[in-house]
Amino acid sequence: MSTVTLPGSSLIAELRPEARNAPESGIVEVVNHGRLKEGLIPLWVGEGDLPTPDFIVRAANKSLAAGETFYTWQRGIPELREALARYHTALYGQPFAMDRFFVTGSGMQSVQIVVRMITGPGDEVVIPTPAWPNVAAAIGVAGAIPVNVPMDYVQGRFTLDLDRLAAAITPKARAIAINSPANPTGWTATKDELAAILALAREHGIWIIADEIYARFVYDGSARAASFHDVMQPEDRILFVQTFSKNWAMTGWRVGWIEAPPAFAQIIENLIQYSTSGSPVFVQRAAIAALDEGESFIAEQIARATEGRRIIAEGLKATNRVTLSPPDGAFYQFFSVDGWTDSRALAIDLVDKANVGLAPGTAFGAGGETGLRLCFARNAADLTETVVRLQRALAQG
C-alpha cells in the first residue's frame, strides 16, 4: 500500500518548533469524528443552543446599515470601552474607568496577547489542571512552558492544594493562570483562596492571568463568583482575559476584551494592530447592546444552566457507574465512568453508541485523563434525552 505525501511535507522541519509542536485539540478530534452524525446531541464545546438574542443582532444590523464597515480604534470604540466600565462598576461595586479595557477579536486573542506580553522562550506559567487546553497551547506557541499542577478530587469535589501550587513556582515562573469558575471542573475559588494565590504572586513577583469568564454562572444564589477584583490592589500584576461568548450567546461573533493597567494601553494597541488590526465596528455595537441590555438574557441563561445541571447530575448518578459532583460554577459537568481510563476512546465510543458528543478529559491536561466534559447550557428536552442515551449506552458496558 502506497503512502501519500502531501506537497510541502519535506519543508515542515524548517518551521519553528513552537508552530510544529502546537498540539491538536483533543476536543476538535472528537467533534470531527461525530460532526456529521444525524441526530447527535452536541455537548462537546463550550456553548449553549440559544442563538444570539435579537436585541444584540439588531444593534449590529443598524451599524451595518449605517455603513460602519471601516477601520476603527485599535483599542475598541470609546462607546464600548465606556460600556465595559459601566458593566464592571455595576458587577463589582467599585468604580472602573474605560482606560482599563481593550477590545479584542475573542477571548482567545485576549489570552494570546497577555501571554505574549509577559512570557517568552524558557519562561514558565503555572496552571492548575484539568484546565481549558487553549491556555497551555498559547503558552507553548509563545515558546514558554506550561507547568501543570493537578488539582485534588476530595470527597466528590475538586480542590486546589495551595502548597502544591507554591512548590511549582520556580525561578523561571512568570505567571500563574487561574480560571475560576473553572472549565472543565466547575471549581470555583473562594475569596480567601484568591487572596492566597495573589499573596503567592506578590511574594514571587510574578503575574496572574485571570480568566473569570464564567463568573456569572454560579449555583449558590450569588450574583457572581469571587473575583481577584475583591482582593487586589492597583499595583498588583493581574491581567484579566474576557469574552462576550458565554454570557450573551455570542460564540460566533469573536469579540472579547482585556482588562489591564492603563499604562499598558499603547503596548496592547500595538499587539492588536499587528494581529487583527481591531474588531469590526458592527460587532462592537452589538457588544454594547449586550452589556447595556443583556441582564435579563443572562438571567435566562443561568436559569437554564441551573436546570440543566440538575438534570445531568441526577441522570448520570442514576447509572451507578459514574463519579461526579455537581459543579459550583461554569456550565460543565466533569465526570468519570467506572471501568474506563481512556476518556478519548470513551468519548468516541459514546458518539458511536449513544449519539452524544462529549469532550474527552485527555484534552484538559494532568488530572483530567479519565474524565469527560459535558456542557449543560442547553434546553431541558435535549438534556433529558442525553441522559436516556447515556444510561442506555453505559448499561451496555
Protein backbone atom coordinates (compact mmCIF):
# COMPACT_ATOMS: atom_id res chain seq x y z
CA MET A 1 0.00 0.00 0.00
CA SER A 2 1.49 3.33 -1.08
CA THR A 3 1.87 6.29 1.26
CA VAL A 4 0.56 9.66 0.13
CA THR A 5 3.00 12.51 0.69
CA LEU A 6 1.41 15.94 0.81
CA PRO A 7 3.07 18.80 -1.06
CA GLY A 8 5.36 20.70 1.29
CA SER A 9 5.85 17.82 3.75
CA SER A 10 9.60 17.94 3.32
CA LEU A 11 9.61 21.57 4.47
CA ILE A 12 7.85 21.03 7.82
CA ALA A 13 11.20 20.61 9.58
CA GLU A 14 12.07 24.15 8.51
CA LEU A 15 9.22 25.63 10.54
CA ARG A 16 9.64 26.95 14.07
CA PRO A 17 9.28 24.22 16.70
CA GLU A 18 6.67 26.31 18.54
CA ALA A 19 4.46 26.04 15.45
CA ARG A 20 5.29 22.40 14.64
CA ASN A 21 4.59 21.30 18.19
CA ALA A 22 1.32 23.17 18.70
CA PRO A 23 -0.97 20.38 19.91
CA GLU A 24 -4.01 19.17 18.02
CA SER A 25 -7.14 19.87 20.03
CA GLY A 26 -8.41 16.69 21.62
CA ILE A 27 -11.87 18.25 21.68
CA VAL A 28 -11.87 19.04 17.97
CA GLU A 29 -10.75 15.49 17.20
CA VAL A 30 -13.94 14.09 18.74
CA VAL A 31 -16.06 16.84 17.16
CA ASN A 32 -14.70 15.94 13.73
CA HIS A 33 -15.44 12.28 14.38
CA GLY A 34 -19.13 12.93 15.04
CA ARG A 35 -19.87 16.26 13.41
CA LEU A 36 -21.97 14.84 10.58
CA LYS A 37 -23.90 12.20 12.55
CA GLU A 38 -27.62 12.71 12.16
CA GLY A 39 -29.48 13.38 15.40
CA LEU A 40 -26.33 13.71 17.51
CA ILE A 41 -26.68 15.88 20.63
CA PRO A 42 -23.55 18.08 20.64
CA LEU A 43 -22.43 18.83 24.19
CA TRP A 44 -18.70 18.81 23.48
CA VAL A 45 -17.90 22.52 23.15
CA GLY A 46 -18.43 25.49 25.42
CA GLU A 47 -21.62 26.97 24.06
CA GLY A 48 -25.35 26.62 24.55
CA ASP A 49 -28.07 26.12 21.97
CA LEU A 50 -29.62 29.60 22.15
CA PRO A 51 -28.81 31.90 19.23
CA THR A 52 -27.66 35.43 19.93
CA PRO A 53 -30.74 37.39 21.09
CA ASP A 54 -32.46 39.79 18.73
CA PHE A 55 -31.58 43.00 20.58
CA ILE A 56 -27.88 42.27 20.01
CA VAL A 57 -28.38 41.33 16.36
CA ARG A 58 -30.41 44.48 15.73
CA ALA A 59 -27.56 46.65 17.02
CA ALA A 60 -25.17 45.02 14.56
CA ASN A 61 -27.63 45.35 11.68
CA LYS A 62 -28.19 49.02 12.46
CA SER A 63 -24.44 49.60 12.41
CA LEU A 64 -24.05 47.81 9.09
CA ALA A 65 -26.94 49.78 7.60
CA ALA A 66 -25.22 52.98 8.72
CA GLY A 67 -22.09 52.00 6.80
CA GLU A 68 -19.85 51.32 9.79
CA THR A 69 -17.59 48.97 7.86
CA PHE A 70 -14.26 50.79 8.05
CA TYR A 71 -11.14 50.54 10.19
CA THR A 72 -11.61 51.89 13.68
CA TRP A 73 -9.98 52.35 17.08
CA GLN A 74 -7.45 49.58 17.75
CA ARG A 75 -8.27 49.64 21.47
CA GLY A 76 -12.00 49.41 20.75
CA ILE A 77 -14.50 52.16 20.07
CA PRO A 78 -14.84 54.52 23.04
CA GLU A 79 -18.53 53.71 23.43
CA LEU A 80 -17.78 50.02 24.02
CA ARG A 81 -14.95 50.72 26.42
CA GLU A 82 -17.28 53.02 28.36
CA ALA A 83 -19.94 50.29 28.39
CA LEU A 84 -17.37 47.83 29.75
CA ALA A 85 -16.54 50.27 32.53
CA ARG A 86 -20.25 50.62 33.40
CA TYR A 87 -20.74 46.86 33.40
CA HIS A 88 -17.78 46.23 35.71
CA THR A 89 -18.78 49.04 38.05
CA ALA A 90 -22.24 47.52 38.46
CA LEU A 91 -20.97 43.94 38.79
CA TYR A 92 -18.16 44.53 41.26
CA GLY A 93 -19.50 47.52 43.20
CA GLN A 94 -16.42 49.66 42.68
CA PRO A 95 -15.55 52.31 40.10
CA PHE A 96 -13.87 51.34 36.81
CA ALA A 97 -12.54 53.69 34.14
CA MET A 98 -12.74 52.96 30.42
CA ASP A 99 -8.96 53.20 30.06
CA ARG A 100 -8.59 49.77 31.73
CA PHE A 101 -10.39 48.00 28.87
CA PHE A 102 -9.17 46.91 25.44
CA VAL A 103 -11.36 45.19 22.86
CA THR A 104 -10.03 42.05 21.18
CA GLY A 105 -11.10 39.65 18.47
CA SER A 106 -12.10 36.97 21.00
CA GLY A 107 -11.28 35.65 24.44
CA MET A 108 -8.65 33.51 22.73
CA GLN A 109 -6.94 36.57 21.28
CA SER A 110 -7.01 38.11 24.75
CA VAL A 111 -5.15 35.06 26.05
CA GLN A 112 -2.60 35.19 23.23
CA ILE A 113 -1.89 38.87 23.78
CA VAL A 114 -1.40 38.68 27.54
CA VAL A 115 0.78 35.59 27.18
CA ARG A 116 2.94 37.43 24.63
CA MET A 117 3.17 40.43 26.95
CA ILE A 118 4.64 38.55 29.90
CA THR A 119 6.26 35.32 28.68
CA GLY A 120 8.83 34.15 26.18
CA PRO A 121 11.10 31.19 25.40
CA GLY A 122 12.10 29.30 28.53
CA ASP A 123 9.65 31.04 30.85
CA GLU A 124 7.14 29.00 32.85
CA VAL A 125 3.44 29.55 33.56
CA VAL A 126 1.83 27.56 36.36
CA ILE A 127 -1.65 26.20 35.60
CA PRO A 128 -3.98 24.26 37.91
CA THR A 129 -5.34 21.33 35.90
CA PRO A 130 -7.58 19.94 34.46
CA ALA A 131 -7.85 23.20 32.53
CA TRP A 132 -9.06 24.65 29.23
CA PRO A 133 -6.32 23.44 26.86
CA ASN A 134 -6.04 26.62 24.79
CA VAL A 135 -4.19 28.46 27.55
CA ALA A 136 -1.40 25.88 27.75
CA ALA A 137 -1.25 25.79 23.95
CA ALA A 138 -0.93 29.59 23.72
CA ILE A 139 1.89 29.46 26.25
CA GLY A 140 3.68 26.78 24.24
CA VAL A 141 3.27 28.65 20.95
CA ALA A 142 4.93 31.65 22.64
CA GLY A 143 7.90 29.42 23.45
CA ALA A 144 7.14 29.26 27.15
CA ILE A 145 6.43 26.16 29.23
CA PRO A 146 3.09 25.37 30.90
CA VAL A 147 3.60 23.76 34.31
CA ASN A 148 0.63 21.61 35.31
CA VAL A 149 -0.46 21.49 38.95
CA PRO A 150 -3.08 18.72 39.20
CA MET A 151 -5.98 19.51 41.47
CA ASP A 152 -7.17 17.03 44.10
CA TYR A 153 -10.53 15.32 43.98
CA VAL A 154 -11.56 15.07 47.62
CA GLN A 155 -14.96 13.88 48.86
CA GLY A 156 -16.53 14.49 45.48
CA ARG A 157 -15.06 17.96 44.87
CA PHE A 158 -12.06 19.39 43.07
CA THR A 159 -9.77 21.37 45.36
CA LEU A 160 -6.58 23.34 44.76
CA ASP A 161 -3.65 22.44 47.02
CA LEU A 162 -2.04 25.83 47.62
CA ASP A 163 1.17 24.24 48.94
CA ARG A 164 1.49 22.24 45.72
CA LEU A 165 0.84 25.41 43.72
CA ALA A 166 3.59 27.23 45.65
CA ALA A 167 6.02 24.35 45.13
CA ALA A 168 5.52 24.57 41.36
CA ILE A 169 6.76 28.17 41.24
CA THR A 170 10.40 28.11 40.19
CA PRO A 171 12.76 31.00 39.36
CA LYS A 172 11.67 30.55 35.72
CA ALA A 173 8.00 31.18 36.54
CA ARG A 174 6.48 34.33 35.09
CA ALA A 175 2.79 33.81 35.83
CA ILE A 176 0.02 31.74 37.35
CA ALA A 177 -3.03 31.18 35.13
CA ILE A 178 -6.22 30.97 37.18
CA ASN A 179 -9.61 30.12 35.70
CA SER A 180 -12.44 30.44 38.22
CA PRO A 181 -15.17 29.29 37.84
CA ALA A 182 -13.19 26.65 36.01
CA ASN A 183 -13.57 24.90 32.71
CA PRO A 184 -13.94 21.86 32.80
CA THR A 185 -14.22 21.08 36.53
CA GLY A 186 -16.53 23.81 37.80
CA TRP A 187 -14.09 24.51 40.64
CA THR A 188 -14.81 28.00 41.96
CA ALA A 189 -12.25 29.71 44.14
CA THR A 190 -13.31 31.36 47.37
CA LYS A 191 -12.27 34.92 48.16
CA ASP A 192 -9.75 33.53 50.67
CA GLU A 193 -8.25 31.21 48.05
CA LEU A 194 -7.89 34.07 45.57
CA ALA A 195 -6.21 36.16 48.27
CA ALA A 196 -3.79 33.31 48.97
CA ILE A 197 -2.97 32.91 45.26
CA LEU A 198 -2.43 36.65 44.97
CA ALA A 199 -0.11 36.55 48.00
CA LEU A 200 1.96 33.88 46.23
CA ALA A 201 2.19 36.01 43.10
CA ARG A 202 3.24 39.03 45.14
CA GLU A 203 5.85 37.01 47.04
CA HIS A 204 7.47 35.77 43.84
CA GLY A 205 6.96 38.93 41.79
CA ILE A 206 5.02 37.10 39.08
CA TRP A 207 1.82 37.75 37.14
CA ILE A 208 -1.67 36.34 37.38
CA ILE A 209 -3.58 35.65 34.18
CA ALA A 210 -7.17 35.80 35.43
CA ASP A 211 -9.86 34.05 33.41
CA GLU A 212 -13.17 34.86 35.13
CA ILE A 213 -15.27 34.30 32.03
CA TYR A 214 -17.85 32.13 33.83
CA ALA A 215 -18.21 34.46 36.83
CA ARG A 216 -21.96 34.87 36.35
CA PHE A 217 -22.61 31.10 36.30
CA VAL A 218 -22.64 30.13 39.98
CA TYR A 219 -25.18 27.96 41.77
CA ASP A 220 -25.19 29.13 45.38
CA GLY A 221 -27.55 32.04 44.83
CA SER A 222 -24.78 34.62 44.44
CA ALA A 223 -24.83 37.23 41.69
CA ARG A 224 -21.29 36.29 40.73
CA ALA A 225 -18.27 34.29 41.81
CA ALA A 226 -15.50 35.70 43.98
CA SER A 227 -13.02 37.70 41.88
CA PHE A 228 -9.48 38.97 42.06
CA HIS A 229 -11.21 42.36 41.95
CA ASP A 230 -12.32 41.65 45.51
CA VAL A 231 -8.77 41.28 46.84
CA MET A 232 -6.36 43.14 44.52
CA GLN A 233 -4.63 46.49 44.75
CA PRO A 234 -3.98 48.78 41.74
CA GLU A 235 -0.28 47.86 41.60
CA ASP A 236 -0.87 44.09 41.51
CA ARG A 237 0.35 42.16 38.47
CA ILE A 238 -3.00 40.88 37.20
CA LEU A 239 -4.22 40.72 33.61
CA PHE A 240 -7.87 39.76 33.02
CA VAL A 241 -8.95 37.96 29.85
CA GLN A 242 -12.63 38.02 28.89
CA THR A 243 -15.13 37.24 26.14
CA PHE A 244 -18.68 38.04 25.11
CA SER A 245 -19.19 34.42 24.04
CA LYS A 246 -20.70 32.84 27.14
CA ASN A 247 -22.96 35.36 28.91
CA TRP A 248 -24.63 36.64 25.75
CA ALA A 249 -24.55 33.59 23.39
CA MET A 250 -22.06 35.27 21.07
CA THR A 251 -19.53 32.48 20.44
CA GLY A 252 -19.56 33.06 16.68
CA TRP A 253 -19.09 36.84 16.90
CA ARG A 254 -15.46 36.56 18.05
CA VAL A 255 -15.19 39.53 20.37
CA GLY A 256 -13.64 39.82 23.82
CA TRP A 257 -11.61 42.16 25.96
CA ILE A 258 -8.55 42.54 28.13
CA GLU A 259 -8.58 44.42 31.42
CA ALA A 260 -5.15 45.77 32.28
CA PRO A 261 -3.41 48.78 33.83
CA PRO A 262 -3.98 51.91 31.71
CA ALA A 263 -0.22 52.33 31.32
CA PHE A 264 -0.21 49.24 29.09
CA ALA A 265 -2.52 50.87 26.55
CA GLN A 266 -0.04 51.53 23.75
CA ILE A 267 1.56 48.11 24.12
CA ILE A 268 -1.79 46.32 23.89
CA GLU A 269 -2.86 48.53 20.99
CA ASN A 270 0.33 47.60 19.14
CA LEU A 271 -0.24 43.87 19.67
CA ILE A 272 -3.82 44.19 18.44
CA GLN A 273 -2.64 46.19 15.42
CA TYR A 274 -0.12 43.55 14.42
CA SER A 275 -2.56 40.65 14.70
CA THR A 276 -6.09 41.68 13.69
CA SER A 277 -5.89 45.48 13.39
CA GLY A 278 -9.00 45.83 15.51
CA SER A 279 -12.50 44.40 15.79
CA PRO A 280 -15.35 45.28 13.37
CA VAL A 281 -17.40 48.27 14.47
CA PHE A 282 -20.72 46.49 13.90
CA VAL A 283 -19.60 43.67 16.21
CA GLN A 284 -18.64 46.24 18.83
CA ARG A 285 -22.06 47.92 18.56
CA ALA A 286 -23.60 44.52 19.21
CA ALA A 287 -21.34 44.12 22.24
CA ILE A 288 -22.54 47.44 23.65
CA ALA A 289 -26.13 46.25 23.38
CA ALA A 290 -25.18 43.02 25.16
CA LEU A 291 -23.64 44.89 28.08
CA ASP A 292 -26.32 47.55 28.43
CA GLU A 293 -29.45 45.48 27.72
CA GLY A 294 -28.44 41.90 28.44
CA GLU A 295 -29.13 41.30 32.14
CA SER A 296 -32.47 39.56 31.59
CA PHE A 297 -30.91 37.31 28.97
CA ILE A 298 -28.07 36.40 31.34
CA ALA A 299 -30.67 35.55 33.98
CA GLU A 300 -32.40 33.27 31.47
CA GLN A 301 -29.10 31.60 30.63
CA ILE A 302 -28.31 30.98 34.30
CA ALA A 303 -31.80 29.57 34.96
CA ARG A 304 -31.47 27.16 32.04
CA ALA A 305 -28.00 26.11 33.18
CA THR A 306 -29.25 25.56 36.73
CA GLU A 307 -31.94 23.20 35.49
CA GLY A 308 -29.51 21.54 33.09
CA ARG A 309 -27.07 20.94 35.92
CA ARG A 310 -29.80 19.20 37.92
CA ILE A 311 -30.97 17.01 35.02
CA ILE A 312 -27.48 15.83 34.15
CA ALA A 313 -26.27 15.22 37.70
CA GLU A 314 -29.36 13.24 38.71
CA GLY A 315 -29.45 11.28 35.47
CA LEU A 316 -25.79 10.30 35.50
CA LYS A 317 -25.84 9.35 39.17
CA ALA A 318 -28.75 7.01 38.42
CA THR A 319 -26.46 4.89 36.22
CA ASN A 320 -24.46 3.84 39.31
CA ARG A 321 -21.42 3.85 37.03
CA VAL A 322 -20.41 7.48 37.22
CA THR A 323 -18.31 9.51 39.66
CA LEU A 324 -19.26 13.18 39.76
CA SER A 325 -20.13 16.18 41.85
CA PRO A 326 -22.40 18.97 40.55
CA PRO A 327 -20.11 21.92 39.75
CA ASP A 328 -20.07 25.08 41.86
CA GLY A 329 -19.71 27.24 38.76
CA ALA A 330 -19.44 27.39 34.94
CA PHE A 331 -21.77 25.18 32.88
CA TYR A 332 -19.95 21.89 32.55
CA GLN A 333 -20.32 18.54 34.27
CA PHE A 334 -16.98 16.77 34.54
CA PHE A 335 -17.33 13.10 35.37
CA SER A 336 -15.65 9.72 35.05
CA VAL A 337 -17.15 6.34 34.18
CA ASP A 338 -16.24 3.27 36.22
CA GLY A 339 -14.18 0.82 34.19
CA TRP A 340 -12.91 3.38 31.69
CA THR A 341 -9.48 5.00 31.99
CA ASP A 342 -9.11 6.23 28.40
CA SER A 343 -11.52 9.15 28.05
CA ARG A 344 -10.59 9.75 24.41
CA ALA A 345 -11.69 6.25 23.48
CA LEU A 346 -14.79 6.60 25.65
CA ALA A 347 -15.81 9.90 24.03
CA ILE A 348 -15.55 8.37 20.57
CA ASP A 349 -17.42 5.28 21.76
CA LEU A 350 -20.28 7.43 23.09
CA VAL A 351 -20.51 9.30 19.79
CA ASP A 352 -20.94 5.95 18.03
CA LYS A 353 -23.17 4.18 20.57
CA ALA A 354 -25.15 6.98 22.24
CA ASN A 355 -25.08 9.66 19.54
CA VAL A 356 -23.96 12.15 22.19
CA GLY A 357 -20.90 14.36 21.78
CA LEU A 358 -18.73 14.92 24.87
CA ALA A 359 -15.22 16.31 25.30
CA PRO A 360 -12.53 13.87 26.46
CA GLY A 361 -10.70 14.68 29.68
CA THR A 362 -7.40 13.89 27.98
CA ALA A 363 -7.71 17.30 26.30
CA PHE A 364 -7.56 19.16 29.63
CA GLY A 365 -4.15 18.21 30.99
CA ALA A 366 -2.91 16.39 34.05
CA GLY A 367 -5.65 15.06 36.30
CA GLY A 368 -8.29 15.00 33.57
CA GLU A 369 -7.30 11.81 31.77
CA THR A 370 -10.22 9.66 32.93
CA GLY A 371 -12.93 12.33 32.78
CA LEU A 372 -15.49 13.57 30.29
CA ARG A 373 -16.82 17.12 29.99
CA LEU A 374 -20.48 17.70 29.21
CA CYS A 375 -21.84 21.19 28.51
CA PHE A 376 -25.29 21.51 30.10
CA ALA A 377 -26.09 25.03 28.83
CA ARG A 378 -28.86 23.56 26.72
CA ASN A 379 -32.62 23.03 26.66
CA ALA A 380 -34.10 20.57 29.13
CA ALA A 381 -35.56 18.28 26.46
CA ASP A 382 -32.18 17.65 24.83
CA LEU A 383 -30.51 17.08 28.21
CA THR A 384 -33.23 14.65 29.29
CA GLU A 385 -32.72 12.73 26.05
CA THR A 386 -28.96 12.85 26.64
CA VAL A 387 -29.44 11.17 30.00
CA VAL A 388 -31.57 8.43 28.42
CA ARG A 389 -28.99 7.75 25.73
CA LEU A 390 -26.05 7.74 28.14
CA GLN A 391 -27.86 5.48 30.61
CA ARG A 392 -28.58 3.03 27.80
CA ALA A 393 -25.02 3.11 26.45
CA LEU A 394 -23.37 2.77 29.85
CA ALA A 395 -25.66 -0.14 30.77
CA GLN A 396 -24.29 -1.98 27.74
CA GLY A 397 -20.74 -1.64 29.07
